[in-house]
N, C-alpha and C. Protein backbone atom coordinates (compact mmCIF):
# COMPACT_ATOMS: atom_id res chain seq x y z
N UNK A 1 -89.70 7.11 -28.25
CA UNK A 1 -90.98 7.10 -28.96
C UNK A 1 -90.66 7.09 -30.46
N UNK A 2 -91.47 6.40 -31.18
CA UNK A 2 -91.28 6.38 -32.64
C UNK A 2 -92.36 7.21 -33.32
N UNK A 3 -92.20 7.55 -34.59
CA UNK A 3 -93.09 8.51 -35.25
C UNK A 3 -94.57 8.12 -35.22
N UNK A 4 -94.90 6.87 -35.45
CA UNK A 4 -96.32 6.50 -35.47
C UNK A 4 -96.94 6.61 -34.08
N UNK A 5 -96.19 6.29 -33.05
CA UNK A 5 -96.69 6.45 -31.68
C UNK A 5 -96.92 7.92 -31.38
N UNK A 6 -96.00 8.76 -31.81
CA UNK A 6 -96.16 10.21 -31.62
C UNK A 6 -97.38 10.71 -32.38
N UNK A 7 -97.58 10.21 -33.59
CA UNK A 7 -98.75 10.61 -34.36
C UNK A 7 -100.03 10.21 -33.65
N UNK A 8 -100.06 9.01 -33.11
CA UNK A 8 -101.24 8.55 -32.38
C UNK A 8 -101.49 9.43 -31.16
N UNK A 9 -100.43 9.75 -30.42
CA UNK A 9 -100.60 10.62 -29.25
C UNK A 9 -101.09 12.01 -29.66
N UNK A 10 -100.52 12.55 -30.73
CA UNK A 10 -100.96 13.87 -31.20
C UNK A 10 -102.40 13.85 -31.68
N UNK A 11 -102.78 12.78 -32.39
CA UNK A 11 -104.16 12.66 -32.88
C UNK A 11 -105.14 12.51 -31.71
N UNK A 12 -104.74 11.77 -30.68
CA UNK A 12 -105.60 11.61 -29.50
C UNK A 12 -105.75 12.94 -28.76
N UNK A 13 -104.65 13.68 -28.63
CA UNK A 13 -104.72 15.01 -28.02
C UNK A 13 -105.68 15.90 -28.80
N UNK A 14 -105.53 15.91 -30.12
CA UNK A 14 -106.36 16.75 -30.96
C UNK A 14 -107.84 16.36 -30.87
N UNK A 15 -108.13 15.07 -30.96
CA UNK A 15 -109.53 14.61 -30.89
C UNK A 15 -110.14 14.93 -29.53
N UNK A 16 -109.39 14.72 -28.47
CA UNK A 16 -109.91 15.04 -27.13
C UNK A 16 -110.15 16.53 -26.96
N UNK A 17 -109.21 17.32 -27.40
CA UNK A 17 -109.36 18.77 -27.34
C UNK A 17 -110.59 19.22 -28.12
N UNK A 18 -110.72 18.72 -29.36
CA UNK A 18 -111.84 19.15 -30.20
C UNK A 18 -113.17 18.69 -29.63
N UNK A 19 -113.20 17.51 -29.02
CA UNK A 19 -114.43 17.04 -28.39
C UNK A 19 -114.86 17.97 -27.27
N UNK A 20 -113.92 18.41 -26.45
CA UNK A 20 -114.24 19.33 -25.35
C UNK A 20 -114.73 20.66 -25.90
N UNK A 21 -114.08 21.18 -26.93
CA UNK A 21 -114.51 22.44 -27.53
C UNK A 21 -115.92 22.30 -28.09
N UNK A 22 -116.18 21.21 -28.81
CA UNK A 22 -117.46 21.01 -29.49
C UNK A 22 -118.60 20.78 -28.51
N UNK A 23 -118.35 19.99 -27.48
CA UNK A 23 -119.43 19.57 -26.58
C UNK A 23 -119.58 20.48 -25.36
N UNK A 24 -118.49 21.13 -24.93
CA UNK A 24 -118.55 21.91 -23.69
C UNK A 24 -118.29 23.41 -23.91
N UNK A 25 -117.16 23.74 -24.51
CA UNK A 25 -116.71 25.13 -24.54
C UNK A 25 -117.60 26.02 -25.40
N UNK A 26 -117.81 25.64 -26.65
CA UNK A 26 -118.60 26.52 -27.51
C UNK A 26 -120.08 26.56 -27.14
N UNK A 27 -120.70 25.46 -26.69
CA UNK A 27 -122.08 25.61 -26.20
C UNK A 27 -122.18 26.56 -25.01
N UNK A 28 -121.20 26.51 -24.11
CA UNK A 28 -121.22 27.44 -22.97
C UNK A 28 -121.03 28.88 -23.45
N UNK A 29 -120.15 29.08 -24.40
CA UNK A 29 -119.96 30.42 -24.96
C UNK A 29 -121.25 30.92 -25.62
N UNK A 30 -121.91 30.06 -26.36
CA UNK A 30 -123.14 30.45 -27.05
C UNK A 30 -124.26 30.81 -26.07
N UNK A 31 -124.19 30.29 -24.85
CA UNK A 31 -125.22 30.58 -23.85
C UNK A 31 -124.98 31.91 -23.12
N UNK A 32 -123.93 32.61 -23.49
CA UNK A 32 -123.60 33.89 -22.86
C UNK A 32 -124.66 34.94 -23.19
N UNK A 33 -125.06 35.69 -22.19
CA UNK A 33 -126.01 36.78 -22.40
C UNK A 33 -125.39 37.83 -23.31
N UNK A 34 -126.21 38.42 -24.17
CA UNK A 34 -125.72 39.38 -25.17
C UNK A 34 -124.96 40.55 -24.52
N UNK A 35 -125.44 41.04 -23.37
CA UNK A 35 -124.78 42.19 -22.75
C UNK A 35 -123.40 41.82 -22.18
N UNK A 36 -123.15 40.54 -21.95
CA UNK A 36 -121.84 40.10 -21.45
C UNK A 36 -120.94 39.58 -22.56
N UNK A 37 -121.47 39.47 -23.77
CA UNK A 37 -120.74 38.85 -24.87
C UNK A 37 -119.35 39.44 -25.12
N UNK A 38 -119.20 40.75 -25.27
CA UNK A 38 -117.86 41.27 -25.61
C UNK A 38 -116.79 40.83 -24.60
N UNK A 39 -117.11 40.93 -23.32
CA UNK A 39 -116.13 40.56 -22.29
C UNK A 39 -115.87 39.06 -22.30
N UNK A 40 -116.92 38.25 -22.37
CA UNK A 40 -116.77 36.78 -22.31
C UNK A 40 -116.07 36.26 -23.56
N UNK A 41 -116.45 36.76 -24.73
CA UNK A 41 -115.81 36.28 -25.96
C UNK A 41 -114.34 36.67 -26.00
N UNK A 42 -114.03 37.89 -25.56
CA UNK A 42 -112.63 38.33 -25.54
C UNK A 42 -111.81 37.45 -24.59
N UNK A 43 -112.36 37.13 -23.43
CA UNK A 43 -111.65 36.26 -22.48
C UNK A 43 -111.50 34.86 -23.06
N UNK A 44 -112.56 34.35 -23.71
CA UNK A 44 -112.51 33.04 -24.35
C UNK A 44 -111.38 33.00 -25.39
N UNK A 45 -111.32 34.00 -26.23
CA UNK A 45 -110.30 34.04 -27.27
C UNK A 45 -108.89 34.12 -26.69
N UNK A 46 -108.73 34.94 -25.66
CA UNK A 46 -107.42 35.09 -25.02
C UNK A 46 -106.96 33.76 -24.40
N UNK A 47 -107.90 33.04 -23.79
CA UNK A 47 -107.52 31.80 -23.10
C UNK A 47 -107.34 30.62 -24.04
N UNK A 48 -108.14 30.56 -25.10
CA UNK A 48 -108.09 29.38 -25.95
C UNK A 48 -107.04 29.46 -27.05
N UNK A 49 -106.70 30.64 -27.50
CA UNK A 49 -105.74 30.77 -28.61
C UNK A 49 -104.42 30.05 -28.33
N UNK A 50 -103.80 30.21 -27.16
CA UNK A 50 -102.55 29.49 -26.93
C UNK A 50 -102.73 27.96 -26.92
N UNK A 51 -103.86 27.50 -26.41
CA UNK A 51 -104.11 26.05 -26.38
C UNK A 51 -104.31 25.52 -27.79
N UNK A 52 -105.09 26.23 -28.60
CA UNK A 52 -105.29 25.84 -30.00
C UNK A 52 -103.94 25.79 -30.71
N UNK A 53 -103.13 26.82 -30.53
CA UNK A 53 -101.81 26.86 -31.18
C UNK A 53 -100.95 25.68 -30.75
N UNK A 54 -100.95 25.35 -29.47
CA UNK A 54 -100.16 24.24 -28.97
C UNK A 54 -100.63 22.91 -29.58
N UNK A 55 -101.94 22.69 -29.60
CA UNK A 55 -102.48 21.44 -30.16
C UNK A 55 -102.09 21.31 -31.63
N UNK A 56 -102.27 22.37 -32.39
CA UNK A 56 -101.95 22.29 -33.81
C UNK A 56 -100.45 22.19 -34.06
N UNK A 57 -99.62 22.78 -33.20
CA UNK A 57 -98.17 22.61 -33.33
C UNK A 57 -97.78 21.15 -33.08
N UNK A 58 -98.41 20.51 -32.09
CA UNK A 58 -98.15 19.09 -31.84
C UNK A 58 -98.56 18.27 -33.05
N UNK A 59 -99.74 18.52 -33.58
CA UNK A 59 -100.22 17.77 -34.75
C UNK A 59 -99.26 17.96 -35.93
N UNK A 60 -98.91 19.21 -36.22
CA UNK A 60 -98.00 19.47 -37.35
C UNK A 60 -96.62 18.86 -37.12
N UNK A 61 -96.13 18.94 -35.89
CA UNK A 61 -94.83 18.36 -35.58
C UNK A 61 -94.80 16.85 -35.75
N UNK A 62 -95.84 16.19 -35.29
CA UNK A 62 -95.87 14.74 -35.44
C UNK A 62 -96.00 14.36 -36.91
N UNK A 63 -96.77 15.13 -37.67
CA UNK A 63 -96.88 14.85 -39.12
C UNK A 63 -95.55 15.05 -39.82
N UNK A 64 -94.81 16.09 -39.46
CA UNK A 64 -93.50 16.32 -40.07
C UNK A 64 -92.58 15.13 -39.80
N UNK A 65 -92.62 14.63 -38.57
CA UNK A 65 -91.78 13.49 -38.21
C UNK A 65 -92.18 12.25 -38.98
N UNK A 66 -93.48 11.97 -39.04
CA UNK A 66 -93.96 10.79 -39.75
C UNK A 66 -93.60 10.87 -41.23
N UNK A 67 -93.85 12.00 -41.85
CA UNK A 67 -93.59 12.14 -43.29
C UNK A 67 -92.10 12.05 -43.62
N UNK A 68 -91.27 12.48 -42.69
CA UNK A 68 -89.82 12.39 -42.91
C UNK A 68 -89.29 10.97 -42.67
N UNK A 69 -90.00 10.19 -41.87
CA UNK A 69 -89.45 8.91 -41.42
C UNK A 69 -90.11 7.67 -42.04
N UNK A 70 -91.30 7.80 -42.60
CA UNK A 70 -92.03 6.60 -43.01
C UNK A 70 -92.69 6.81 -44.37
N UNK A 71 -92.86 5.72 -45.11
CA UNK A 71 -93.64 5.83 -46.35
C UNK A 71 -95.13 5.95 -46.01
N UNK A 72 -95.86 6.56 -46.90
CA UNK A 72 -97.31 6.68 -46.69
C UNK A 72 -97.97 5.32 -46.86
N UNK A 73 -98.95 5.07 -46.01
CA UNK A 73 -99.78 3.88 -46.11
C UNK A 73 -101.22 4.35 -46.21
N UNK A 74 -102.12 3.45 -46.46
CA UNK A 74 -103.53 3.80 -46.50
C UNK A 74 -104.01 4.41 -45.19
N UNK A 75 -103.54 3.85 -44.07
CA UNK A 75 -103.94 4.39 -42.77
C UNK A 75 -103.43 5.81 -42.59
N UNK A 76 -102.21 6.07 -43.05
CA UNK A 76 -101.67 7.42 -42.90
C UNK A 76 -102.38 8.42 -43.80
N UNK A 77 -102.79 7.98 -44.97
CA UNK A 77 -103.57 8.85 -45.86
C UNK A 77 -104.89 9.21 -45.19
N UNK A 78 -105.54 8.22 -44.57
CA UNK A 78 -106.79 8.46 -43.84
C UNK A 78 -106.56 9.46 -42.70
N UNK A 79 -105.52 9.22 -41.92
CA UNK A 79 -105.21 10.12 -40.81
C UNK A 79 -104.89 11.52 -41.33
N UNK A 80 -104.13 11.59 -42.41
CA UNK A 80 -103.78 12.88 -42.98
C UNK A 80 -104.99 13.64 -43.49
N UNK A 81 -105.92 12.91 -44.09
CA UNK A 81 -107.15 13.55 -44.57
C UNK A 81 -107.93 14.15 -43.40
N UNK A 82 -108.01 13.41 -42.30
CA UNK A 82 -108.72 13.92 -41.12
C UNK A 82 -108.04 15.14 -40.54
N UNK A 83 -106.71 15.07 -40.40
CA UNK A 83 -105.97 16.22 -39.86
C UNK A 83 -106.11 17.44 -40.78
N UNK A 84 -106.01 17.21 -42.09
CA UNK A 84 -106.12 18.31 -43.05
C UNK A 84 -107.52 18.93 -43.01
N UNK A 85 -108.54 18.09 -42.91
CA UNK A 85 -109.91 18.60 -42.83
C UNK A 85 -110.09 19.47 -41.59
N UNK A 86 -109.68 18.96 -40.44
CA UNK A 86 -109.83 19.73 -39.20
C UNK A 86 -109.04 21.04 -39.27
N UNK A 87 -107.81 20.97 -39.78
CA UNK A 87 -106.99 22.17 -39.87
C UNK A 87 -107.55 23.20 -40.83
N UNK A 88 -108.02 22.73 -41.98
CA UNK A 88 -108.57 23.64 -42.98
C UNK A 88 -109.83 24.32 -42.47
N UNK A 89 -110.71 23.56 -41.83
CA UNK A 89 -111.95 24.15 -41.31
C UNK A 89 -111.65 25.13 -40.18
N UNK A 90 -110.63 24.83 -39.39
CA UNK A 90 -110.23 25.76 -38.34
C UNK A 90 -109.76 27.08 -38.95
N UNK A 91 -108.88 26.98 -39.95
CA UNK A 91 -108.30 28.18 -40.55
C UNK A 91 -109.29 28.95 -41.41
N UNK A 92 -110.12 28.23 -42.14
CA UNK A 92 -110.99 28.89 -43.14
C UNK A 92 -112.39 29.22 -42.63
N UNK A 93 -112.85 28.54 -41.59
CA UNK A 93 -114.22 28.77 -41.11
C UNK A 93 -114.25 29.18 -39.64
N UNK A 94 -113.74 28.33 -38.75
CA UNK A 94 -113.87 28.61 -37.31
C UNK A 94 -113.13 29.89 -36.89
N UNK A 95 -111.90 30.04 -37.34
CA UNK A 95 -111.14 31.25 -36.99
C UNK A 95 -111.82 32.52 -37.46
N UNK A 96 -112.15 32.61 -38.76
CA UNK A 96 -112.84 33.81 -39.23
C UNK A 96 -114.22 34.02 -38.57
N UNK A 97 -114.91 32.94 -38.26
CA UNK A 97 -116.21 33.08 -37.59
C UNK A 97 -116.03 33.65 -36.20
N UNK A 98 -115.00 33.19 -35.48
CA UNK A 98 -114.72 33.77 -34.16
C UNK A 98 -114.39 35.26 -34.28
N UNK A 99 -113.65 35.62 -35.30
CA UNK A 99 -113.32 37.05 -35.49
C UNK A 99 -114.60 37.86 -35.70
N UNK A 100 -115.50 37.34 -36.51
CA UNK A 100 -116.78 38.04 -36.74
C UNK A 100 -117.62 38.08 -35.47
N UNK A 101 -117.63 36.99 -34.72
CA UNK A 101 -118.37 36.99 -33.45
C UNK A 101 -117.81 38.05 -32.51
N UNK A 102 -116.50 38.23 -32.53
CA UNK A 102 -115.89 39.26 -31.70
C UNK A 102 -116.29 40.67 -32.12
N UNK A 103 -116.45 40.87 -33.42
CA UNK A 103 -116.83 42.20 -33.93
C UNK A 103 -118.34 42.44 -33.87
N UNK A 104 -119.13 41.41 -34.23
CA UNK A 104 -120.56 41.59 -34.44
C UNK A 104 -121.43 41.07 -33.30
N UNK A 105 -120.85 40.32 -32.38
CA UNK A 105 -121.63 39.78 -31.28
C UNK A 105 -122.24 38.44 -31.63
N UNK A 106 -123.03 37.91 -30.70
CA UNK A 106 -123.55 36.54 -30.83
C UNK A 106 -124.72 36.41 -31.80
N UNK A 107 -124.46 36.70 -33.06
CA UNK A 107 -125.53 36.56 -34.06
C UNK A 107 -125.84 35.08 -34.26
N UNK A 108 -127.12 34.70 -34.29
CA UNK A 108 -127.49 33.29 -34.41
C UNK A 108 -126.87 32.60 -35.64
N UNK A 109 -126.80 33.28 -36.76
CA UNK A 109 -126.23 32.65 -37.96
C UNK A 109 -124.75 32.34 -37.75
N UNK A 110 -124.04 33.21 -37.07
CA UNK A 110 -122.62 32.97 -36.81
C UNK A 110 -122.42 31.84 -35.81
N UNK A 111 -123.27 31.79 -34.79
CA UNK A 111 -123.17 30.70 -33.81
C UNK A 111 -123.49 29.36 -34.47
N UNK A 112 -124.47 29.32 -35.38
CA UNK A 112 -124.76 28.08 -36.12
C UNK A 112 -123.58 27.68 -36.98
N UNK A 113 -122.97 28.65 -37.63
CA UNK A 113 -121.80 28.37 -38.48
C UNK A 113 -120.66 27.79 -37.64
N UNK A 114 -120.44 28.34 -36.46
CA UNK A 114 -119.40 27.83 -35.58
C UNK A 114 -119.71 26.41 -35.13
N UNK A 115 -120.98 26.13 -34.79
CA UNK A 115 -121.36 24.77 -34.39
C UNK A 115 -121.14 23.77 -35.51
N UNK A 116 -121.50 24.16 -36.74
CA UNK A 116 -121.27 23.27 -37.90
C UNK A 116 -119.78 23.06 -38.12
N UNK A 117 -119.01 24.12 -38.01
CA UNK A 117 -117.56 23.98 -38.17
C UNK A 117 -116.99 23.06 -37.10
N UNK A 118 -117.48 23.19 -35.88
CA UNK A 118 -117.02 22.31 -34.80
C UNK A 118 -117.33 20.86 -35.09
N UNK A 119 -118.52 20.59 -35.62
CA UNK A 119 -118.89 19.21 -35.94
C UNK A 119 -117.96 18.64 -37.00
N UNK A 120 -117.63 19.43 -38.00
CA UNK A 120 -116.73 18.97 -39.06
C UNK A 120 -115.32 18.80 -38.50
N UNK A 121 -114.87 19.74 -37.67
CA UNK A 121 -113.54 19.61 -37.08
C UNK A 121 -113.44 18.38 -36.19
N UNK A 122 -114.48 18.11 -35.43
CA UNK A 122 -114.48 16.92 -34.59
C UNK A 122 -114.45 15.66 -35.45
N UNK A 123 -115.23 15.63 -36.52
CA UNK A 123 -115.21 14.48 -37.42
C UNK A 123 -113.81 14.29 -38.02
N UNK A 124 -113.17 15.38 -38.42
CA UNK A 124 -111.81 15.29 -38.96
C UNK A 124 -110.82 14.78 -37.93
N UNK A 125 -110.92 15.28 -36.70
CA UNK A 125 -109.99 14.85 -35.65
C UNK A 125 -110.19 13.37 -35.31
N UNK A 126 -111.45 12.91 -35.29
CA UNK A 126 -111.72 11.50 -35.01
C UNK A 126 -111.24 10.63 -36.17
N UNK A 127 -111.41 11.10 -37.39
CA UNK A 127 -110.90 10.38 -38.56
C UNK A 127 -109.37 10.26 -38.48
N UNK A 128 -108.71 11.35 -38.10
CA UNK A 128 -107.26 11.31 -37.94
C UNK A 128 -106.86 10.31 -36.86
N UNK A 129 -107.59 10.29 -35.77
CA UNK A 129 -107.30 9.35 -34.69
C UNK A 129 -107.50 7.91 -35.16
N UNK A 130 -108.56 7.66 -35.91
CA UNK A 130 -108.79 6.31 -36.43
C UNK A 130 -107.66 5.89 -37.37
N UNK A 131 -107.26 6.78 -38.26
CA UNK A 131 -106.16 6.47 -39.17
C UNK A 131 -104.85 6.24 -38.45
N UNK A 132 -104.55 7.07 -37.46
CA UNK A 132 -103.32 6.91 -36.70
C UNK A 132 -103.34 5.60 -35.91
N UNK A 133 -104.49 5.25 -35.36
CA UNK A 133 -104.62 3.98 -34.65
C UNK A 133 -104.38 2.82 -35.60
N UNK A 134 -105.00 2.88 -36.76
CA UNK A 134 -104.79 1.84 -37.75
C UNK A 134 -103.33 1.73 -38.15
N UNK A 135 -102.67 2.86 -38.33
CA UNK A 135 -101.25 2.85 -38.73
C UNK A 135 -100.38 2.21 -37.66
N UNK A 136 -100.68 2.48 -36.41
CA UNK A 136 -99.87 1.91 -35.32
C UNK A 136 -100.07 0.40 -35.22
N UNK A 137 -101.30 -0.06 -35.35
CA UNK A 137 -101.57 -1.47 -35.10
C UNK A 137 -101.55 -2.33 -36.36
N UNK A 138 -101.42 -1.73 -37.52
CA UNK A 138 -101.36 -2.50 -38.77
C UNK A 138 -99.91 -2.66 -39.20
N UNK A 139 -99.14 -3.32 -38.37
CA UNK A 139 -97.75 -3.60 -38.72
C UNK A 139 -97.35 -4.93 -38.11
N UNK A 140 -96.37 -5.55 -38.68
CA UNK A 140 -95.96 -6.85 -38.16
C UNK A 140 -95.42 -6.73 -36.74
N UNK A 141 -95.78 -7.69 -35.94
CA UNK A 141 -95.25 -7.73 -34.59
C UNK A 141 -93.85 -8.31 -34.64
N UNK A 142 -92.96 -7.73 -33.89
CA UNK A 142 -91.60 -8.26 -33.87
C UNK A 142 -91.51 -9.33 -32.79
N UNK A 143 -90.71 -10.34 -33.05
CA UNK A 143 -90.56 -11.42 -32.08
C UNK A 143 -89.80 -10.93 -30.86
N UNK A 144 -90.23 -11.37 -29.72
CA UNK A 144 -89.51 -11.05 -28.48
C UNK A 144 -88.35 -12.02 -28.33
N UNK A 145 -87.26 -11.55 -27.77
CA UNK A 145 -86.14 -12.47 -27.55
C UNK A 145 -86.60 -13.65 -26.70
N UNK A 146 -86.26 -14.83 -27.12
CA UNK A 146 -86.62 -16.04 -26.38
C UNK A 146 -88.00 -16.57 -26.69
N UNK A 147 -88.77 -15.84 -27.51
CA UNK A 147 -90.13 -16.31 -27.83
C UNK A 147 -90.03 -17.44 -28.85
N UNK A 148 -90.94 -18.36 -28.74
CA UNK A 148 -91.00 -19.49 -29.66
C UNK A 148 -91.91 -19.10 -30.80
N UNK A 149 -91.40 -19.19 -32.03
CA UNK A 149 -92.26 -18.83 -33.16
C UNK A 149 -93.02 -20.06 -33.63
N UNK A 150 -94.25 -19.80 -34.05
CA UNK A 150 -95.09 -20.88 -34.59
C UNK A 150 -94.80 -21.05 -36.06
N UNK A 151 -94.69 -22.27 -36.49
CA UNK A 151 -94.43 -22.53 -37.90
C UNK A 151 -95.57 -23.24 -38.53
């Protein structure tokens, strides 16, 4: 596998993961009855934290490989902006909001903040996927052995 292919795979993993969180996981969490919230939120956090860590380690690892192996292109800048946006919103908004939800319970303002953060994270992950796709497919095709070139 080469770095751009790895970046595309990592971006696809991230976008798919974030789509599931945004469309399925957090809406289900928000529908939890208040009296069950502490138990359900604690279980949610315990189960999702390792998956979040794995996804972001894959994203960071593929970026390290790409940055070490290739010059930046416009597509990579686009992909990097998307990855950075999703990562920053995760670290600065979604993570702290989850911590507050764990302490304070399912306050409507906090649940709205988490939904907005999810929308931004999903947009960032999709932007990263679009940029990675562009980077993979915006390169010269190499001739296959025995292929006839057109002049």
